Amino acid sequence: MTDPSNPKARSQELAMVERHIAMGKRVIAQQEALVKRLQDKGVDDDQAKRTLDQFEQTQRMHLQHWDKLLQTSDKDGGEAER
């Protein structure tokens, strides 16, 4: 995490986390679609489900990072939106 006293660095980190969250949403949607396609075809989807679980876990970490940045920002009087 960046130095909270450096507004430019904090802004850059927030932008980076926003990109990661947006990308995570797209990747999760794609993986969910893959799981559904595999299920519709009656094909083994265990690996696809495990991969989806990993993507969702990573997304939770991105969201926790975002929340932590917001808490730091709130303490310093900054604002951000997810």
Protein backbone atom coordinates (compact mmCIF):
# COMPACT_ATOMS: atom_id res chain seq x y z
CA MET A 1 0.00 0.00 0.00
CA THR A 2 1.18 3.50 -0.74
CA ASP A 3 2.16 6.22 1.68
CA PRO A 4 -1.16 7.81 2.77
CA SER A 5 0.51 11.21 2.94
CA ASN A 6 1.20 11.07 -0.82
CA PRO A 7 -2.12 11.95 -2.54
CA LYS A 8 -0.81 11.31 -6.07
CA ALA A 9 0.46 7.83 -5.18
CA ARG A 10 -2.80 7.02 -3.37
CA SER A 11 -4.79 8.19 -6.40
CA GLN A 12 -2.69 6.00 -8.69
CA GLU A 13 -3.16 3.01 -6.40
CA LEU A 14 -6.93 3.56 -6.28
CA ALA A 15 -7.00 3.69 -10.09
CA MET A 16 -4.98 0.48 -10.28
CA VAL A 17 -7.30 -1.34 -7.87
CA GLU A 18 -10.34 -0.05 -9.82
CA ARG A 19 -8.85 -1.57 -12.99
CA HIS A 20 -8.22 -4.85 -11.19
CA ILE A 21 -11.80 -4.97 -9.90
CA ALA A 22 -13.22 -4.22 -13.35
CA MET A 23 -11.01 -6.85 -14.94
CA GLY A 24 -11.94 -9.34 -12.25
CA LYS A 25 -15.64 -8.82 -12.99
CA ARG A 26 -15.05 -9.55 -16.67
CA VAL A 27 -12.91 -12.62 -16.00
CA ILE A 28 -15.43 -14.03 -13.51
CA ALA A 29 -18.29 -13.51 -15.97
CA GLN A 30 -16.32 -15.30 -18.70
CA GLN A 31 -15.48 -18.18 -16.39
CA GLU A 32 -19.09 -18.48 -15.24
CA ALA A 33 -20.14 -18.68 -18.89
CA LEU A 34 -17.53 -21.39 -19.50
CA VAL A 35 -18.79 -23.41 -16.54
CA LYS A 36 -22.34 -23.15 -17.87
CA ARG A 37 -21.27 -24.22 -21.37
CA LEU A 38 -19.44 -27.22 -19.97
CA GLN A 39 -22.44 -28.17 -17.83
CA ASP A 40 -24.79 -27.79 -20.80
CA LYS A 41 -22.58 -30.17 -22.80
CA GLY A 42 -22.37 -32.65 -19.94
CA VAL A 43 -18.59 -32.27 -19.80
CA ASP A 44 -16.55 -32.45 -16.58
CA ASP A 45 -16.50 -28.91 -15.18
CA ASP A 46 -14.52 -29.49 -11.98
CA GLN A 47 -11.38 -27.68 -13.14
CA ALA A 48 -13.40 -24.78 -14.52
CA LYS A 49 -15.23 -24.48 -11.18
CA ARG A 50 -11.95 -24.56 -9.25
CA THR A 51 -10.59 -21.84 -11.51
CA LEU A 52 -13.75 -19.78 -10.97
CA ASP A 53 -13.30 -20.16 -7.20
CA GLN A 54 -9.74 -18.85 -7.53
CA PHE A 55 -10.89 -15.87 -9.59
CA GLU A 56 -13.57 -15.09 -7.00
CA GLN A 57 -11.05 -15.33 -4.18
CA THR A 58 -8.73 -12.95 -6.02
CA GLN A 59 -11.64 -10.56 -6.57
CA ARG A 60 -12.39 -10.59 -2.84
CA MET A 61 -8.76 -9.65 -2.20
CA HIS A 62 -9.05 -6.74 -4.67
CA LEU A 63 -12.19 -5.55 -2.91
CA GLN A 64 -10.50 -5.81 0.49
CA HIS A 65 -7.59 -3.76 -0.87
CA TRP A 66 -10.08 -1.18 -2.17
CA ASP A 67 -11.83 -1.02 1.21
CA LYS A 68 -8.51 -0.58 2.99
CA LEU A 69 -7.57 2.27 0.66
CA LEU A 70 -10.94 3.91 1.25
CA GLN A 71 -10.51 3.65 5.01
CA THR A 72 -7.11 5.32 4.72
CA SER A 73 -8.58 7.91 2.37
CA ASP A 74 -11.50 8.60 4.74
CA LYS A 75 -9.12 9.15 7.64
CA ASP A 76 -7.27 11.71 5.53
CA GLY A 77 -10.44 13.36 4.23
CA GLY A 78 -10.19 11.92 0.69
CA GLU A 79 -12.99 10.43 -1.36
CA ALA A 80 -13.27 7.58 -3.81
CA GLU A 81 -16.04 5.50 -5.39
CA ARG A 82 -16.11 1.84 -6.40
